[in-house]
Amino acid sequence: MENRKLKPVIYGALAGFGVLLFYIGVLSLFQGNDFAFSQFSRLWYWIIPLAAGFGTQIGLYTSIASAASGAINAEVAASGTVSGGSMVACCSHFLLNIIPIVGLSGLAAFLMTYQKAIFGIGILSNLAGIILLLNHKRKMKGGKC
């Protein structure tokens, strides 16, 4: 019984840390470790809620996975994609040396201009996913699922 209660917490924590590692990894790959950690320290108040929200969704999903519907699977997948994409989009404008070569300089300017809005969309997506999963879990306890 304890293992069943601990599994969602472990999966959620691993998912949250995984998103953080993804963010650091992408920035490190293109700009180096020092830059990645300086960006994290500059934007932590956006990045931590994104990672925590995604981890919370994975934890909730894991706790109701046996009865999860296709809609729940799709919401978690979409929100996870938005979370990871928000983190990458946030700082991908630092690829300005490469982006013009492939003809995407307009994309770089867009990402620079709307960096915080992109983070906000990711956080709102996480909140929507958490609310959906909590409602689903509440319905399961009430015998409606």
C-alpha atoms as a PDB file:
ATOM      1  CA  MET A   1       0.000   0.000   0.000  1.00  0.00           C
ATOM      2  CA  GLU A   2       2.810   2.433   0.836  1.00  0.00           C
ATOM      3  CA  ASN A   3       4.504   1.745  -2.493  1.00  0.00           C
ATOM      4  CA  ARG A   4       1.271   2.647  -4.279  1.00  0.00           C
ATOM      5  CA  LYS A   5       1.143   6.022  -2.501  1.00  0.00           C
ATOM      6  CA  LEU A   6       4.844   6.718  -2.974  1.00  0.00           C
ATOM      7  CA  LYS A   7       4.979   5.903  -6.697  1.00  0.00           C
ATOM      8  CA  PRO A   8       3.130   9.082  -7.857  1.00  0.00           C
ATOM      9  CA  VAL A   9       5.402  11.249  -5.710  1.00  0.00           C
ATOM     10  CA  ILE A  10       8.524   9.637  -7.141  1.00  0.00           C
ATOM     11  CA  TYR A  11       7.270   9.848 -10.736  1.00  0.00           C
ATOM     12  CA  GLY A  12       6.211  13.467 -10.252  1.00  0.00           C
ATOM     13  CA  ALA A  13       9.568  14.464  -8.766  1.00  0.00           C
ATOM     14  CA  LEU A  14      11.454  12.667 -11.543  1.00  0.00           C
ATOM     15  CA  ALA A  15       9.314  14.367 -14.199  1.00  0.00           C
ATOM     16  CA  GLY A  16       9.847  17.809 -12.667  1.00  0.00           C
ATOM     17  CA  PHE A  17      13.597  17.295 -12.423  1.00  0.00           C
ATOM     18  CA  GLY A  18      13.586  15.843 -15.945  1.00  0.00           C
ATOM     19  CA  VAL A  19      12.085  19.048 -17.350  1.00  0.00           C
ATOM     20  CA  LEU A  20      14.701  21.092 -15.481  1.00  0.00           C
ATOM     21  CA  LEU A  21      17.476  18.892 -16.854  1.00  0.00           C
ATOM     22  CA  PHE A  22      15.992  19.240 -20.332  1.00  0.00           C
ATOM     23  CA  TYR A  23      16.109  23.036 -20.033  1.00  0.00           C
ATOM     24  CA  ILE A  24      19.683  23.075 -18.709  1.00  0.00           C
ATOM     25  CA  GLY A  25      20.738  20.481 -21.285  1.00  0.00           C
ATOM     26  CA  VAL A  26      19.372  22.371 -24.287  1.00  0.00           C
ATOM     27  CA  LEU A  27      20.967  25.639 -23.200  1.00  0.00           C
ATOM     28  CA  SER A  28      24.244  23.919 -22.327  1.00  0.00           C
ATOM     29  CA  LEU A  29      24.319  22.232 -25.708  1.00  0.00           C
ATOM     30  CA  PHE A  30      24.028  25.494 -27.612  1.00  0.00           C
ATOM     31  CA  GLN A  31      25.643  28.043 -25.273  1.00  0.00           C
ATOM     32  CA  GLY A  32      27.610  26.183 -22.595  1.00  0.00           C
ATOM     33  CA  ASN A  33      27.070  25.324 -18.945  1.00  0.00           C
ATOM     34  CA  ASP A  34      27.887  28.763 -17.536  1.00  0.00           C
ATOM     35  CA  PHE A  35      25.306  30.405 -19.749  1.00  0.00           C
ATOM     36  CA  ALA A  36      22.672  27.760 -18.951  1.00  0.00           C
ATOM     37  CA  PHE A  37      23.031  28.227 -15.208  1.00  0.00           C
ATOM     38  CA  SER A  38      23.129  32.023 -15.477  1.00  0.00           C
ATOM     39  CA  GLN A  39      19.854  31.922 -17.441  1.00  0.00           C
ATOM     40  CA  PHE A  40      18.352  29.591 -14.875  1.00  0.00           C
ATOM     41  CA  SER A  41      19.299  31.953 -12.047  1.00  0.00           C
ATOM     42  CA  ARG A  42      17.828  34.875 -14.026  1.00  0.00           C
ATOM     43  CA  LEU A  43      14.548  33.112 -14.887  1.00  0.00           C
ATOM     44  CA  TRP A  44      14.078  30.666 -12.023  1.00  0.00           C
ATOM     45  CA  TYR A  45      10.721  32.207 -11.056  1.00  0.00           C
ATOM     46  CA  TRP A  46       9.318  31.065 -14.421  1.00  0.00           C
ATOM     47  CA  ILE A  47      11.205  27.791 -14.762  1.00  0.00           C
ATOM     48  CA  ILE A  48      10.503  26.329 -11.313  1.00  0.00           C
ATOM     49  CA  PRO A  49       6.689  26.702 -11.620  1.00  0.00           C
ATOM     50  CA  LEU A  50       6.802  25.093 -15.070  1.00  0.00           C
ATOM     51  CA  ALA A  51       8.777  22.133 -13.785  1.00  0.00           C
ATOM     52  CA  ALA A  52       6.722  21.829 -10.591  1.00  0.00           C
ATOM     53  CA  GLY A  53       3.453  21.998 -12.512  1.00  0.00           C
ATOM     54  CA  PHE A  54       4.539  19.319 -14.930  1.00  0.00           C
ATOM     55  CA  GLY A  55       5.793  17.117 -12.091  1.00  0.00           C
ATOM     56  CA  THR A  56       2.490  17.584 -10.255  1.00  0.00           C
ATOM     57  CA  GLN A  57       0.565  16.512 -13.349  1.00  0.00           C
ATOM     58  CA  ILE A  58       2.681  13.398 -13.766  1.00  0.00           C
ATOM     59  CA  GLY A  59       2.211  12.545 -10.097  1.00  0.00           C
ATOM     60  CA  LEU A  60      -1.553  12.991 -10.349  1.00  0.00           C
ATOM     61  CA  TYR A  61      -1.674  11.063 -13.601  1.00  0.00           C
ATOM     62  CA  THR A  62       0.304   8.200 -12.074  1.00  0.00           C
ATOM     63  CA  SER A  63      -2.101   8.044  -9.133  1.00  0.00           C
ATOM     64  CA  ILE A  64      -5.112   7.636 -11.446  1.00  0.00           C
ATOM     65  CA  ALA A  65      -3.439   5.885 -14.396  1.00  0.00           C
ATOM     66  CA  SER A  66      -5.381   2.667 -14.052  1.00  0.00           C
ATOM     67  CA  ALA A  67      -8.645   4.486 -14.780  1.00  0.00           C
ATOM     68  CA  ALA A  68      -7.315   7.328 -16.961  1.00  0.00           C
ATOM     69  CA  SER A  69      -9.189   8.059 -20.153  1.00  0.00           C
ATOM     70  CA  GLY A  70      -7.737   9.068 -23.506  1.00  0.00           C
ATOM     71  CA  ALA A  71      -8.581  12.710 -22.762  1.00  0.00           C
ATOM     72  CA  ILE A  72      -6.444  12.603 -19.621  1.00  0.00           C
ATOM     73  CA  ASN A  73      -3.550  11.073 -21.574  1.00  0.00           C
ATOM     74  CA  ALA A  74      -3.842  13.771 -24.237  1.00  0.00           C
ATOM     75  CA  GLU A  75      -3.932  16.619 -21.682  1.00  0.00           C
ATOM     76  CA  VAL A  76      -0.816  15.404 -19.878  1.00  0.00           C
ATOM     77  CA  ALA A  77       1.006  14.952 -23.181  1.00  0.00           C
ATOM     78  CA  ALA A  78      -0.037  18.383 -24.443  1.00  0.00           C
ATOM     79  CA  SER A  79       0.855  20.135 -21.212  1.00  0.00           C
ATOM     80  CA  GLY A  80       4.221  18.391 -21.019  1.00  0.00           C
ATOM     81  CA  THR A  81       4.953  19.443 -24.554  1.00  0.00           C
ATOM     82  CA  VAL A  82       4.009  23.032 -23.742  1.00  0.00           C
ATOM     83  CA  SER A  83       6.168  22.983 -20.591  1.00  0.00           C
ATOM     84  CA  GLY A  84       9.246  21.696 -22.357  1.00  0.00           C
ATOM     85  CA  GLY A  85       8.583  23.837 -25.405  1.00  0.00           C
ATOM     86  CA  SER A  86       8.184  26.945 -23.256  1.00  0.00           C
ATOM     87  CA  MET A  87      11.557  26.374 -21.678  1.00  0.00           C
ATOM     88  CA  VAL A  88      13.264  25.820 -25.003  1.00  0.00           C
ATOM     89  CA  ALA A  89      11.460  28.706 -26.698  1.00  0.00           C
ATOM     90  CA  CYS A  90      12.386  30.961 -23.833  1.00  0.00           C
ATOM     91  CA  CYS A  91      16.049  30.942 -24.584  1.00  0.00           C
ATOM     92  CA  SER A  92      16.253  29.609 -28.098  1.00  0.00           C
ATOM     93  CA  HIS A  93      16.632  33.171 -29.306  1.00  0.00           C
ATOM     94  CA  PHE A  94      20.251  32.807 -28.194  1.00  0.00           C
ATOM     95  CA  LEU A  95      20.703  30.685 -31.281  1.00  0.00           C
ATOM     96  CA  LEU A  96      20.834  33.927 -33.261  1.00  0.00           C
ATOM     97  CA  ASN A  97      24.109  32.825 -34.822  1.00  0.00           C
ATOM     98  CA  ILE A  98      22.421  29.822 -36.433  1.00  0.00           C
ATOM     99  CA  ILE A  99      18.816  30.936 -36.933  1.00  0.00           C
ATOM    100  CA  PRO A 100      19.504  33.531 -39.692  1.00  0.00           C
ATOM    101  CA  ILE A 101      21.441  30.918 -41.653  1.00  0.00           C
ATOM    102  CA  VAL A 102      18.354  28.728 -41.830  1.00  0.00           C
ATOM    103  CA  GLY A 103      16.127  31.733 -42.583  1.00  0.00           C
ATOM    104  CA  LEU A 104      14.315  31.969 -39.256  1.00  0.00           C
ATOM    105  CA  SER A 105      15.445  35.385 -37.989  1.00  0.00           C
ATOM    106  CA  GLY A 106      11.796  36.427 -37.605  1.00  0.00           C
ATOM    107  CA  LEU A 107      11.282  33.484 -35.259  1.00  0.00           C
ATOM    108  CA  ALA A 108      14.213  34.597 -33.120  1.00  0.00           C
ATOM    109  CA  ALA A 109      12.806  38.120 -32.843  1.00  0.00           C
ATOM    110  CA  PHE A 110       9.379  36.716 -31.933  1.00  0.00           C
ATOM    111  CA  LEU A 111      10.849  34.506 -29.207  1.00  0.00           C
ATOM    112  CA  MET A 112      12.836  37.395 -27.740  1.00  0.00           C
ATOM    113  CA  THR A 113       9.797  39.675 -27.704  1.00  0.00           C
ATOM    114  CA  TYR A 114       7.357  37.185 -26.189  1.00  0.00           C
ATOM    115  CA  GLN A 115       9.637  35.186 -23.896  1.00  0.00           C
ATOM    116  CA  LYS A 116       7.650  35.853 -20.716  1.00  0.00           C
ATOM    117  CA  ALA A 117       4.313  35.347 -22.460  1.00  0.00           C
ATOM    118  CA  ILE A 118       5.503  31.942 -23.650  1.00  0.00           C
ATOM    119  CA  PHE A 119       6.422  31.033 -20.080  1.00  0.00           C
ATOM    120  CA  GLY A 120       3.022  32.274 -18.918  1.00  0.00           C
ATOM    121  CA  ILE A 121       1.246  30.081 -21.469  1.00  0.00           C
ATOM    122  CA  GLY A 122       3.244  27.093 -20.234  1.00  0.00           C
ATOM    123  CA  ILE A 123       2.304  27.776 -16.613  1.00  0.00           C
ATOM    124  CA  LEU A 124      -1.377  28.263 -17.499  1.00  0.00           C
ATOM    125  CA  SER A 125      -1.290  25.007 -19.433  1.00  0.00           C
ATOM    126  CA  ASN A 126       0.105  23.276 -16.356  1.00  0.00           C
ATOM    127  CA  LEU A 127      -2.652  24.740 -14.175  1.00  0.00           C
ATOM    128  CA  ALA A 128      -5.311  23.576 -16.634  1.00  0.00           C
ATOM    129  CA  GLY A 129      -3.819  20.083 -16.616  1.00  0.00           C
ATOM    130  CA  ILE A 130      -3.677  19.968 -12.816  1.00  0.00           C
ATOM    131  CA  ILE A 131      -7.303  21.105 -12.535  1.00  0.00           C
ATOM    132  CA  LEU A 132      -8.405  18.504 -15.089  1.00  0.00           C
ATOM    133  CA  LEU A 133      -6.574  15.726 -13.249  1.00  0.00           C
ATOM    134  CA  LEU A 134      -7.861  16.803  -9.827  1.00  0.00           C
ATOM    135  CA  ASN A 135     -11.438  16.861 -11.160  1.00  0.00           C
ATOM    136  CA  HIS A 136     -10.956  13.420 -12.656  1.00  0.00           C
ATOM    137  CA  LYS A 137      -9.562  12.092  -9.383  1.00  0.00           C
ATOM    138  CA  ARG A 138     -12.445  13.659  -7.423  1.00  0.00           C
ATOM    139  CA  LYS A 139     -14.970  12.022  -9.754  1.00  0.00           C
ATOM    140  CA  MET A 140     -13.231   8.674  -9.324  1.00  0.00           C
ATOM    141  CA  LYS A 141     -13.542   8.911  -5.550  1.00  0.00           C
ATOM    142  CA  GLY A 142     -17.218   9.788  -5.897  1.00  0.00           C
ATOM    143  CA  GLY A 143     -17.802   6.698  -8.033  1.00  0.00           C
ATOM    144  CA  LYS A 144     -18.596   8.663 -11.179  1.00  0.00           C
ATOM    145  CA  CYS A 145     -15.796   7.195 -13.308  1.00  0.00           C
END
